[in-house]
C-alpha atoms as a PDB file:
ATOM      1  CA  UNK A   1       8.342 -55.605  68.861  1.00  0.00           C
ATOM      2  CA  UNK A   2       8.205 -58.616  66.601  1.00  0.00           C
ATOM      3  CA  UNK A   3      11.504 -60.330  65.740  1.00  0.00           C
ATOM      4  CA  UNK A   4      12.648 -61.060  62.266  1.00  0.00           C
ATOM      5  CA  UNK A   5      13.951 -64.490  61.709  1.00  0.00           C
ATOM      6  CA  UNK A   6      17.599 -65.075  60.492  1.00  0.00           C
ATOM      7  CA  UNK A   7      16.222 -66.651  57.177  1.00  0.00           C
ATOM      8  CA  UNK A   8      14.137 -63.638  56.366  1.00  0.00           C
ATOM      9  CA  UNK A   9      17.131 -61.403  57.142  1.00  0.00           C
ATOM     10  CA  UNK A  10      19.183 -63.377  54.573  1.00  0.00           C
ATOM     11  CA  UNK A  11      16.642 -63.348  51.951  1.00  0.00           C
ATOM     12  CA  UNK A  12      16.138 -59.574  52.319  1.00  0.00           C
ATOM     13  CA  UNK A  13      19.794 -59.021  52.105  1.00  0.00           C
ATOM     14  CA  UNK A  14      20.109 -61.212  49.024  1.00  0.00           C
ATOM     15  CA  UNK A  15      17.301 -59.389  47.372  1.00  0.00           C
ATOM     16  CA  UNK A  16      18.944 -55.919  47.922  1.00  0.00           C
ATOM     17  CA  UNK A  17      22.245 -57.248  46.534  1.00  0.00           C
ATOM     18  CA  UNK A  18      20.509 -58.532  43.501  1.00  0.00           C
ATOM     19  CA  UNK A  19      18.732 -55.333  42.933  1.00  0.00           C
ATOM     20  CA  UNK A  20      21.870 -53.472  43.242  1.00  0.00           C
ATOM     21  CA  UNK A  21      23.718 -55.763  40.976  1.00  0.00           C
ATOM     22  CA  UNK A  22      20.934 -55.382  38.317  1.00  0.00           C
ATOM     23  CA  UNK A  23      21.132 -51.647  38.656  1.00  0.00           C
ATOM     24  CA  UNK A  24      24.921 -51.775  38.385  1.00  0.00           C
ATOM     25  CA  UNK A  25      24.749 -54.062  35.355  1.00  0.00           C
ATOM     26  CA  UNK A  26      22.170 -51.934  33.695  1.00  0.00           C
ATOM     27  CA  UNK A  27      24.594 -48.825  33.862  1.00  0.00           C
ATOM     28  CA  UNK A  28      27.972 -50.763  34.007  1.00  0.00           C
ATOM     29  CA  UNK A  29      29.720 -48.680  31.279  1.00  0.00           C
ATOM     30  CA  UNK A  30      28.587 -45.317  32.757  1.00  0.00           C
ATOM     31  CA  UNK A  31      31.114 -43.121  34.691  1.00  0.00           C
ATOM     32  CA  UNK A  32      32.690 -39.814  34.655  1.00  0.00           C
ATOM     33  CA  UNK A  33      35.198 -40.367  31.863  1.00  0.00           C
ATOM     34  CA  UNK A  34      34.928 -38.483  28.352  1.00  0.00           C
ATOM     35  CA  UNK A  35      35.853 -39.487  24.831  1.00  0.00           C
ATOM     36  CA  UNK A  36      35.938 -37.251  21.782  1.00  0.00           C
ATOM     37  CA  UNK A  37      36.919 -37.421  18.289  1.00  0.00           C
ATOM     38  CA  UNK A  38      36.602 -36.269  14.687  1.00  0.00           C
ATOM     39  CA  UNK A  39      35.507 -38.332  11.633  1.00  0.00           C
ATOM     40  CA  UNK A  40      36.771 -37.038   8.135  1.00  0.00           C
ATOM     41  CA  UNK A  41      37.045 -38.515   4.522  1.00  0.00           C
ATOM     42  CA  UNK A  42      40.525 -39.352   2.953  1.00  0.00           C
ATOM     43  CA  UNK A  43      40.844 -35.847   1.859  1.00  0.00           C
ATOM     44  CA  UNK A  44      40.354 -34.452   5.364  1.00  0.00           C
ATOM     45  CA  UNK A  45      36.820 -33.095   4.806  1.00  0.00           C
ATOM     46  CA  UNK A  46      34.657 -33.424   7.871  1.00  0.00           C
ATOM     47  CA  UNK A  47      31.731 -36.084   7.661  1.00  0.00           C
ATOM     48  CA  UNK A  48      28.536 -34.883   9.274  1.00  0.00           C
ATOM     49  CA  UNK A  49      26.179 -37.398  10.699  1.00  0.00           C
ATOM     50  CA  UNK A  50      28.667 -40.190  10.950  1.00  0.00           C
ATOM     51  CA  UNK A  51      27.680 -42.770  13.468  1.00  0.00           C
ATOM     52  CA  UNK A  52      30.125 -43.660  16.216  1.00  0.00           C
ATOM     53  CA  UNK A  53      29.224 -46.614  18.258  1.00  0.00           C
ATOM     54  CA  UNK A  54      31.057 -47.071  21.507  1.00  0.00           C
ATOM     55  CA  UNK A  55      31.167 -50.569  23.256  1.00  0.00           C
ATOM     56  CA  UNK A  56      32.839 -51.763  26.353  1.00  0.00           C
ATOM     57  CA  UNK A  57      32.674 -55.575  26.022  1.00  0.00           C
ATOM     58  CA  UNK A  58      33.757 -55.993  29.638  1.00  0.00           C
ATOM     59  CA  UNK A  59      30.786 -53.977  30.751  1.00  0.00           C
ATOM     60  CA  UNK A  60      28.150 -54.991  28.277  1.00  0.00           C
ATOM     61  CA  UNK A  61      27.682 -52.205  25.842  1.00  0.00           C
ATOM     62  CA  UNK A  62      27.980 -48.354  25.469  1.00  0.00           C
ATOM     63  CA  UNK A  63      26.281 -45.227  23.884  1.00  0.00           C
ATOM     64  CA  UNK A  64      26.056 -44.228  20.103  1.00  0.00           C
ATOM     65  CA  UNK A  65      26.832 -40.749  19.042  1.00  0.00           C
ATOM     66  CA  UNK A  66      26.801 -38.733  15.813  1.00  0.00           C
ATOM     67  CA  UNK A  67      29.117 -36.178  14.251  1.00  0.00           C
ATOM     68  CA  UNK A  68      28.139 -32.551  13.875  1.00  0.00           C
ATOM     69  CA  UNK A  69      28.904 -30.422  10.778  1.00  0.00           C
ATOM     70  CA  UNK A  70      32.481 -30.311  11.627  1.00  0.00           C
ATOM     71  CA  UNK A  71      32.674 -33.981  11.838  1.00  0.00           C
ATOM     72  CA  UNK A  72      33.220 -33.868  15.668  1.00  0.00           C
ATOM     73  CA  UNK A  73      31.679 -36.054  18.265  1.00  0.00           C
ATOM     74  CA  UNK A  74      32.036 -36.455  22.186  1.00  0.00           C
ATOM     75  CA  UNK A  75      30.474 -38.379  25.036  1.00  0.00           C
ATOM     76  CA  UNK A  76      30.824 -37.604  28.767  1.00  0.00           C
ATOM     77  CA  UNK A  77      29.962 -40.389  31.037  1.00  0.00           C
ATOM     78  CA  UNK A  78      32.114 -43.264  30.446  1.00  0.00           C
ATOM     79  CA  UNK A  79      33.971 -45.779  32.786  1.00  0.00           C
ATOM     80  CA  UNK A  80      37.795 -46.558  32.391  1.00  0.00           C
ATOM     81  CA  UNK A  81      38.460 -49.393  29.980  1.00  0.00           C
ATOM     82  CA  UNK A  82      39.250 -50.712  26.633  1.00  0.00           C
ATOM     83  CA  UNK A  83      36.637 -49.209  24.299  1.00  0.00           C
ATOM     84  CA  UNK A  84      35.745 -50.456  20.720  1.00  0.00           C
ATOM     85  CA  UNK A  85      34.609 -47.912  18.324  1.00  0.00           C
ATOM     86  CA  UNK A  86      32.645 -48.556  15.056  1.00  0.00           C
ATOM     87  CA  UNK A  87      32.648 -45.414  12.859  1.00  0.00           C
ATOM     88  CA  UNK A  88      30.204 -45.554   9.945  1.00  0.00           C
ATOM     89  CA  UNK A  89      28.940 -43.092   7.359  1.00  0.00           C
ATOM     90  CA  UNK A  90      26.821 -43.530   4.256  1.00  0.00           C
ATOM     91  CA  UNK A  91      28.978 -44.023   1.104  1.00  0.00           C
ATOM     92  CA  UNK A  92      32.019 -44.926   3.188  1.00  0.00           C
ATOM     93  CA  UNK A  93      33.836 -47.982   4.475  1.00  0.00           C
ATOM     94  CA  UNK A  94      33.039 -48.661   8.202  1.00  0.00           C
ATOM     95  CA  UNK A  95      36.053 -48.454  10.421  1.00  0.00           C
ATOM     96  CA  UNK A  96      36.815 -50.117  13.719  1.00  0.00           C
ATOM     97  CA  UNK A  97      39.134 -48.488  16.352  1.00  0.00           C
ATOM     98  CA  UNK A  98      40.224 -49.355  19.848  1.00  0.00           C
ATOM     99  CA  UNK A  99      40.591 -46.703  22.427  1.00  0.00           C
ATOM    100  CA  UNK A 100      42.027 -46.988  26.045  1.00  0.00           C
ATOM    101  CA  UNK A 101      40.519 -44.615  28.666  1.00  0.00           C
ATOM    102  CA  UNK A 102      43.091 -45.394  31.458  1.00  0.00           C
ATOM    103  CA  UNK A 103      40.941 -43.543  34.324  1.00  0.00           C
ATOM    104  CA  UNK A 104      37.854 -41.520  34.537  1.00  0.00           C
ATOM    105  CA  UNK A 105      39.779 -38.277  35.107  1.00  0.00           C
ATOM    106  CA  UNK A 106      42.161 -38.936  32.090  1.00  0.00           C
ATOM    107  CA  UNK A 107      42.148 -36.530  29.123  1.00  0.00           C
ATOM    108  CA  UNK A 108      42.495 -38.659  26.100  1.00  0.00           C
ATOM    109  CA  UNK A 109      43.519 -36.831  22.786  1.00  0.00           C
ATOM    110  CA  UNK A 110      40.689 -36.507  20.287  1.00  0.00           C
ATOM    111  CA  UNK A 111      40.387 -39.703  18.107  1.00  0.00           C
ATOM    112  CA  UNK A 112      40.820 -38.900  14.374  1.00  0.00           C
ATOM    113  CA  UNK A 113      39.270 -41.442  12.077  1.00  0.00           C
ATOM    114  CA  UNK A 114      39.500 -41.256   8.367  1.00  0.00           C
ATOM    115  CA  UNK A 115      36.733 -43.234   6.245  1.00  0.00           C
ATOM    116  CA  UNK A 116      37.684 -44.519   2.769  1.00  0.00           C
ATOM    117  CA  UNK A 117      35.017 -43.917   0.220  1.00  0.00           C
ATOM    118  CA  UNK A 118      32.999 -47.117  -0.503  1.00  0.00           C
ATOM    119  CA  UNK A 119      33.269 -48.718  -4.016  1.00  0.00           C
ATOM    120  CA  UNK A 120      30.412 -47.234  -6.191  1.00  0.00           C
ATOM    121  CA  UNK A 121      27.627 -49.528  -6.766  1.00  0.00           C
ATOM    122  CA  UNK A 122      26.908 -50.824 -10.287  1.00  0.00           C
ATOM    123  CA  UNK A 123      29.330 -51.040 -13.153  1.00  0.00           C
ATOM    124  CA  UNK A 124      31.976 -48.206 -13.913  1.00  0.00           C
ATOM    125  CA  UNK A 125      30.711 -45.467 -16.162  1.00  0.00           C
ATOM    126  CA  UNK A 126      32.969 -46.685 -19.040  1.00  0.00           C
ATOM    127  CA  UNK A 127      31.162 -50.077 -18.971  1.00  0.00           C
ATOM    128  CA  UNK A 128      27.809 -48.402 -18.893  1.00  0.00           C
ATOM    129  CA  UNK A 129      28.713 -46.260 -21.974  1.00  0.00           C
ATOM    130  CA  UNK A 130      30.135 -49.164 -23.950  1.00  0.00           C
ATOM    131  CA  UNK A 131      27.181 -51.230 -23.322  1.00  0.00           C
ATOM    132  CA  UNK A 132      24.581 -48.468 -24.126  1.00  0.00           C
ATOM    133  CA  UNK A 133      26.493 -47.634 -27.332  1.00  0.00           C
ATOM    134  CA  UNK A 134      26.547 -51.130 -28.419  1.00  0.00           C
ATOM    135  CA  UNK A 135      22.921 -51.906 -27.750  1.00  0.00           C
ATOM    136  CA  UNK A 136      21.836 -48.610 -29.367  1.00  0.00           C
ATOM    137  CA  UNK A 137      23.921 -49.497 -32.588  1.00  0.00           C
ATOM    138  CA  UNK A 138      22.451 -52.953 -32.772  1.00  0.00           C
ATOM    139  CA  UNK A 139      18.986 -51.713 -32.451  1.00  0.00           C
ATOM    140  CA  UNK A 140      19.718 -49.066 -35.181  1.00  0.00           C
ATOM    141  CA  UNK A 141      20.995 -51.811 -37.428  1.00  0.00           C
ATOM    142  CA  UNK A 142      24.571 -50.286 -37.381  1.00  0.00           C
ATOM    143  CA  UNK A 143      26.199 -53.575 -36.911  1.00  0.00           C
ATOM    144  CA  UNK A 144      29.790 -52.635 -37.621  1.00  0.00           C
ATOM    145  CA  UNK A 145      29.589 -49.957 -34.993  1.00  0.00           C
ATOM    146  CA  UNK A 146      27.738 -52.600 -32.700  1.00  0.00           C
ATOM    147  CA  UNK A 147      30.565 -55.034 -33.059  1.00  0.00           C
ATOM    148  CA  UNK A 148      33.290 -52.317 -32.292  1.00  0.00           C
ATOM    149  CA  UNK A 149      31.399 -51.375 -28.954  1.00  0.00           C
ATOM    150  CA  UNK A 150      30.816 -54.971 -27.984  1.00  0.00           C
ATOM    151  CA  UNK A 151      34.483 -55.523 -28.411  1.00  0.00           C
ATOM    152  CA  UNK A 152      35.338 -52.702 -26.115  1.00  0.00           C
ATOM    153  CA  UNK A 153      33.016 -54.090 -23.619  1.00  0.00           C
ATOM    154  CA  UNK A 154      34.604 -57.522 -23.833  1.00  0.00           C
ATOM    155  CA  UNK A 155      37.888 -55.803 -22.856  1.00  0.00           C
ATOM    156  CA  UNK A 156      36.303 -54.194 -20.054  1.00  0.00           C
ATOM    157  CA  UNK A 157      34.142 -57.107 -18.732  1.00  0.00           C
ATOM    158  CA  UNK A 158      35.629 -60.383 -19.611  1.00  0.00           C
ATOM    159  CA  UNK A 159      33.199 -61.848 -16.837  1.00  0.00           C
ATOM    160  CA  UNK A 160      30.369 -61.122 -19.288  1.00  0.00           C
ATOM    161  CA  UNK A 161      32.291 -62.815 -22.167  1.00  0.00           C
ATOM    162  CA  UNK A 162      29.457 -65.468 -22.911  1.00  0.00           C
ATOM    163  CA  UNK A 163      26.620 -62.882 -23.502  1.00  0.00           C
ATOM    164  CA  UNK A 164      29.103 -60.373 -25.379  1.00  0.00           C
ATOM    165  CA  UNK A 165      30.224 -63.205 -27.741  1.00  0.00           C
ATOM    166  CA  UNK A 166      26.679 -64.098 -28.429  1.00  0.00           C
ATOM    167  CA  UNK A 167      25.936 -60.355 -29.433  1.00  0.00           C
ATOM    168  CA  UNK A 168      28.944 -60.056 -31.556  1.00  0.00           C
ATOM    169  CA  UNK A 169      28.156 -63.325 -33.376  1.00  0.00           C
ATOM    170  CA  UNK A 170      24.554 -62.018 -33.995  1.00  0.00           C
ATOM    171  CA  UNK A 171      25.950 -58.719 -35.380  1.00  0.00           C
ATOM    172  CA  UNK A 172      28.186 -60.758 -37.810  1.00  0.00           C
ATOM    173  CA  UNK A 173      25.281 -62.739 -38.969  1.00  0.00           C
ATOM    174  CA  UNK A 174      23.627 -59.526 -39.777  1.00  0.00           C
ATOM    175  CA  UNK A 175      26.456 -58.459 -41.985  1.00  0.00           C
ATOM    176  CA  UNK A 176      26.705 -61.796 -43.469  1.00  0.00           C
ATOM    177  CA  UNK A 177      30.154 -62.874 -41.966  1.00  0.00           C
ATOM    178  CA  UNK A 178      29.129 -66.323 -41.125  1.00  0.00           C
ATOM    179  CA  UNK A 179      32.840 -67.583 -40.378  1.00  0.00           C
ATOM    180  CA  UNK A 180      33.259 -64.700 -37.843  1.00  0.00           C
ATOM    181  CA  UNK A 181      29.789 -65.264 -36.409  1.00  0.00           C
ATOM    182  CA  UNK A 182      30.433 -69.117 -35.938  1.00  0.00           C
ATOM    183  CA  UNK A 183      33.742 -68.247 -34.126  1.00  0.00           C
ATOM    184  CA  UNK A 184      31.766 -66.210 -31.450  1.00  0.00           C
ATOM    185  CA  UNK A 185      28.902 -68.406 -31.013  1.00  0.00           C
ATOM    186  CA  UNK A 186      31.388 -71.364 -30.762  1.00  0.00           C
ATOM    187  CA  UNK A 187      32.565 -69.568 -27.551  1.00  0.00           C
ATOM    188  CA  UNK A 188      29.044 -69.461 -26.225  1.00  0.00           C
ATOM    189  CA  UNK A 189      28.634 -73.078 -26.835  1.00  0.00           C
ATOM    190  CA  UNK A 190      31.908 -73.974 -25.257  1.00  0.00           C
ATOM    191  CA  UNK A 191      30.525 -72.239 -22.039  1.00  0.00           C
ATOM    192  CA  UNK A 192      27.108 -73.700 -22.425  1.00  0.00           C
ATOM    193  CA  UNK A 193      27.147 -76.927 -24.597  1.00  0.00           C
ATOM    194  CA  UNK A 194      23.396 -77.627 -23.860  1.00  0.00           C
ATOM    195  CA  UNK A 195      22.187 -74.141 -25.076  1.00  0.00           C
ATOM    196  CA  UNK A 196      19.946 -75.566 -27.974  1.00  0.00           C
ATOM    197  CA  UNK A 197      18.832 -72.125 -29.228  1.00  0.00           C
ATOM    198  CA  UNK A 198      22.350 -70.848 -29.882  1.00  0.00           C
ATOM    199  CA  UNK A 199      23.315 -74.190 -31.463  1.00  0.00           C
ATOM    200  CA  UNK A 200      20.239 -73.990 -33.789  1.00  0.00           C
ATOM    201  CA  UNK A 201      21.225 -70.427 -34.649  1.00  0.00           C
ATOM    202  CA  UNK A 202      24.940 -71.446 -35.335  1.00  0.00           C
ATOM    203  CA  UNK A 203      23.817 -74.175 -37.500  1.00  0.00           C
ATOM    204  CA  UNK A 204      21.567 -71.766 -39.481  1.00  0.00           C
ATOM    205  CA  UNK A 205      24.399 -69.472 -39.975  1.00  0.00           C
ATOM    206  CA  UNK A 206      26.604 -72.367 -41.181  1.00  0.00           C
ATOM    207  CA  UNK A 207      24.147 -73.474 -43.660  1.00  0.00           C
ATOM    208  CA  UNK A 208      23.448 -69.983 -44.779  1.00  0.00           C
ATOM    209  CA  UNK A 209      27.174 -69.347 -45.331  1.00  0.00           C
ATOM    210  CA  UNK A 210      27.405 -72.529 -47.450  1.00  0.00           C
ATOM    211  CA  UNK A 211      29.024 -74.583 -44.765  1.00  0.00           C
ATOM    212  CA  UNK A 212      26.688 -77.390 -45.025  1.00  0.00           C
ATOM    213  CA  UNK A 213      28.650 -80.053 -43.176  1.00  0.00           C
ATOM    214  CA  UNK A 214      29.283 -77.858 -40.197  1.00  0.00           C
ATOM    215  CA  UNK A 215      25.758 -76.941 -40.091  1.00  0.00           C
ATOM    216  CA  UNK A 216      24.587 -80.525 -39.924  1.00  0.00           C
ATOM    217  CA  UNK A 217      27.253 -81.274 -37.225  1.00  0.00           C
ATOM    218  CA  UNK A 218      25.793 -78.615 -35.159  1.00  0.00           C
ATOM    219  CA  UNK A 219      22.284 -79.878 -35.656  1.00  0.00           C
ATOM    220  CA  UNK A 220      23.405 -83.212 -34.143  1.00  0.00           C
ATOM    221  CA  UNK A 221      23.890 -81.697 -30.770  1.00  0.00           C
ATOM    222  CA  UNK A 222      20.533 -80.080 -30.349  1.00  0.00           C
ATOM    223  CA  UNK A 223      18.113 -81.325 -27.797  1.00  0.00           C
ATOM    224  CA  UNK A 224      15.159 -80.711 -29.892  1.00  0.00           C
ATOM    225  CA  UNK A 225      12.687 -81.170 -26.914  1.00  0.00           C
ATOM    226  CA  UNK A 226      14.086 -77.921 -25.435  1.00  0.00           C
ATOM    227  CA  UNK A 227      13.140 -75.937 -28.507  1.00  0.00           C
ATOM    228  CA  UNK A 228       9.845 -74.203 -27.946  1.00  0.00           C
ATOM    229  CA  UNK A 229       9.630 -71.836 -30.916  1.00  0.00           C
ATOM    230  CA  UNK A 230       8.642 -73.140 -34.334  1.00  0.00           C
ATOM    231  CA  UNK A 231      10.692 -70.343 -35.861  1.00  0.00           C
ATOM    232  CA  UNK A 232      13.952 -72.018 -34.928  1.00  0.00           C
ATOM    233  CA  UNK A 233      13.102 -74.960 -37.017  1.00  0.00           C
ATOM    234  CA  UNK A 234      11.528 -73.086 -39.773  1.00  0.00           C
ATOM    235  CA  UNK A 235      14.483 -70.917 -40.336  1.00  0.00           C
ATOM    236  CA  UNK A 236      16.848 -73.827 -40.529  1.00  0.00           C
ATOM    237  CA  UNK A 237      14.465 -75.394 -42.991  1.00  0.00           C
ATOM    238  CA  UNK A 238      14.431 -72.207 -45.120  1.00  0.00           C
ATOM    239  CA  UNK A 239      18.192 -72.318 -45.160  1.00  0.00           C
ATOM    240  CA  UNK A 240      18.174 -75.987 -46.395  1.00  0.00           C
ATOM    241  CA  UNK A 241      15.613 -75.110 -49.025  1.00  0.00           C
ATOM    242  CA  UNK A 242      17.967 -72.185 -50.293  1.00  0.00           C
ATOM    243  CA  UNK A 243      20.790 -74.489 -50.175  1.00  0.00           C
ATOM    244  CA  UNK A 244      18.856 -76.840 -52.653  1.00  0.00           C
ATOM    245  CA  UNK A 245      18.367 -79.501 -49.899  1.00  0.00           C
ATOM    246  CA  UNK A 246      14.600 -79.995 -50.104  1.00  0.00           C
ATOM    247  CA  UNK A 247      14.394 -83.185 -48.200  1.00  0.00           C
ATOM    248  CA  UNK A 248      16.285 -81.719 -45.151  1.00  0.00           C
ATOM    249  CA  UNK A 249      14.070 -78.771 -45.447  1.00  0.00           C
ATOM    250  CA  UNK A 250      10.995 -80.926 -45.323  1.00  0.00           C
ATOM    251  CA  UNK A 251      12.182 -82.331 -42.236  1.00  0.00           C
ATOM    252  CA  UNK A 252      12.707 -79.125 -40.349  1.00  0.00           C
ATOM    253  CA  UNK A 253       9.418 -77.610 -41.598  1.00  0.00           C
ATOM    254  CA  UNK A 254       7.672 -80.753 -40.121  1.00  0.00           C
ATOM    255  CA  UNK A 255       9.519 -80.089 -36.884  1.00  0.00           C
ATOM    256  CA  UNK A 256       8.269 -76.547 -36.795  1.00  0.00           C
ATOM    257  CA  UNK A 257       4.597 -77.773 -37.503  1.00  0.00           C
ATOM    258  CA  UNK A 258       5.088 -80.157 -34.731  1.00  0.00           C
ATOM    259  CA  UNK A 259       5.886 -77.448 -32.242  1.00  0.00           C
ATOM    260  CA  UNK A 260       3.025 -75.402 -33.472  1.00  0.00           C
ATOM    261  CA  UNK A 261       0.334 -77.129 -35.466  1.00  0.00           C
ATOM    262  CA  UNK A 262      -1.124 -73.780 -36.533  1.00  0.00           C
ATOM    263  CA  UNK A 263       2.030 -72.584 -38.092  1.00  0.00           C
ATOM    264  CA  UNK A 264       0.956 -71.503 -41.582  1.00  0.00           C
ATOM    265  CA  UNK A 265       4.454 -70.424 -42.722  1.00  0.00           C
ATOM    266  CA  UNK A 266       5.577 -74.052 -42.128  1.00  0.00           C
ATOM    267  CA  UNK A 267       2.923 -75.468 -44.251  1.00  0.00           C
ATOM    268  CA  UNK A 268       3.526 -73.178 -47.093  1.00  0.00           C
ATOM    269  CA  UNK A 269       7.341 -73.572 -47.298  1.00  0.00           C
ATOM    270  CA  UNK A 270       7.027 -77.452 -46.807  1.00  0.00           C
ATOM    271  CA  UNK A 271       4.518 -77.429 -49.723  1.00  0.00           C
ATOM    272  CA  UNK A 272       7.195 -75.747 -51.989  1.00  0.00           C
ATOM    273  CA  UNK A 273       9.837 -78.215 -50.842  1.00  0.00           C
ATOM    274  CA  UNK A 274       7.300 -81.168 -51.676  1.00  0.00           C
ATOM    275  CA  UNK A 275       6.852 -79.501 -55.099  1.00  0.00           C
ATOM    276  CA  UNK A 276      10.527 -79.725 -55.731  1.00  0.00           C
ATOM    277  CA  UNK A 277      10.760 -83.343 -54.919  1.00  0.00           C
ATOM    278  CA  UNK A 278       7.722 -84.006 -57.109  1.00  0.00           C
ATOM    279  CA  UNK A 279       5.403 -85.192 -54.112  1.00  0.00           C
ATOM    280  CA  UNK A 280       2.289 -83.488 -55.378  1.00  0.00           C
ATOM    281  CA  UNK A 281      -0.240 -85.034 -53.171  1.00  0.00           C
ATOM    282  CA  UNK A 282       1.661 -83.862 -50.073  1.00  0.00           C
ATOM    283  CA  UNK A 283       2.136 -80.278 -51.583  1.00  0.00           C
ATOM    284  CA  UNK A 284      -1.607 -80.030 -52.230  1.00  0.00           C
ATOM    285  CA  UNK A 285      -2.527 -81.157 -48.635  1.00  0.00           C
ATOM    286  CA  UNK A 286      -0.109 -78.457 -47.186  1.00  0.00           C
ATOM    287  CA  UNK A 287      -1.484 -75.833 -49.511  1.00  0.00           C
ATOM    288  CA  UNK A 288      -5.085 -76.773 -48.491  1.00  0.00           C
ATOM    289  CA  UNK A 289      -4.072 -76.509 -44.893  1.00  0.00           C
ATOM    290  CA  UNK A 290      -2.571 -73.120 -45.334  1.00  0.00           C
ATOM    291  CA  UNK A 291      -5.781 -71.765 -46.918  1.00  0.00           C
ATOM    292  CA  UNK A 292      -7.663 -73.344 -44.099  1.00  0.00           C
ATOM    293  CA  UNK A 293      -5.436 -71.310 -41.434  1.00  0.00           C
ATOM    294  CA  UNK A 294      -5.162 -68.037 -43.541  1.00  0.00           C
ATOM    295  CA  UNK A 295      -7.628 -67.795 -46.310  1.00  0.00           C
ATOM    296  CA  UNK A 296      -6.817 -64.280 -47.215  1.00  0.00           C
ATOM    297  CA  UNK A 297      -3.632 -62.448 -48.102  1.00  0.00           C
ATOM    298  CA  UNK A 298      -0.512 -62.727 -50.493  1.00  0.00           C
ATOM    299  CA  UNK A 299       0.436 -66.123 -49.248  1.00  0.00           C
ATOM    300  CA  UNK A 300      -3.060 -67.397 -49.586  1.00  0.00           C
ATOM    301  CA  UNK A 301      -3.015 -66.016 -53.193  1.00  0.00           C
ATOM    302  CA  UNK A 302       0.236 -67.853 -54.029  1.00  0.00           C
ATOM    303  CA  UNK A 303      -1.256 -71.135 -52.607  1.00  0.00           C
ATOM    304  CA  UNK A 304      -4.308 -70.895 -54.900  1.00  0.00           C
ATOM    305  CA  UNK A 305      -2.067 -70.246 -57.741  1.00  0.00           C
ATOM    306  CA  UNK A 306       0.251 -73.247 -56.770  1.00  0.00           C
ATOM    307  CA  UNK A 307      -2.795 -75.397 -56.445  1.00  0.00           C
ATOM    308  CA  UNK A 308      -4.028 -74.492 -59.958  1.00  0.00           C
ATOM    309  CA  UNK A 309      -0.589 -75.542 -61.419  1.00  0.00           C
ATOM    310  CA  UNK A 310      -0.728 -78.826 -59.627  1.00  0.00           C
ATOM    311  CA  UNK A 311      -4.076 -79.828 -61.192  1.00  0.00           C
END
């Protein structure tokens, strides 16, 4: 009979030990003990399908079970030790619980876990209602109602103050309360001094409301390169024209045309401003450009009549 060397025997025994250790490690948390419990909400109502994850850190893991219709769960086949339980259910706040299983034959009382309801996602219903009412009133041009609803929303959501002040300011402009509009738009500018669009609208409101100096001061702070819509400059020009400031109006109609060289309204209004300042040649040039861009329509007819008068 062949003899086995001492080294071979040692290697064989080591292999057997490693295999046994691997098997033991893979099932280290398994035993004969039992844990059970019940999961309810804060009102005591059972939570079905709550997930209970059992973990024995010292033994590297544990099983996961779910609750039944009565909120009950149980697992047989655990070793003794300090078990960590993570209890989770949809719409509820997860809870962590520690449970001691002193020995595998011990009877541990049922573990009662109450889960708090998670905070609802999204804004509260009263916020949604105020926002919906405000926007609906604004779109329907019921501006007084819109202002009242936006004021309610401001009290509920001060974190949205900048946006809400903007909408309140716009609503005041619609009902020609320019001082009130500027007070709200200034709050927007305080939060975002570089907002050229709001600064231009505030300047327009000031000029339209007869506050020319304030309008000019607001215009000084505008980064005109950031304005991509000719309407912004055009509207300011119209207000200067209405305020009998044709030179200022010409400057802003020119800026509108620079943003969009095909902006027919800019040429027409600038022509009218040129007429006011007795700059006939410039007025004729602008009216000719308008007819080139829009040869038909009411504005074109007015341009032809004005050209006839300028002969």
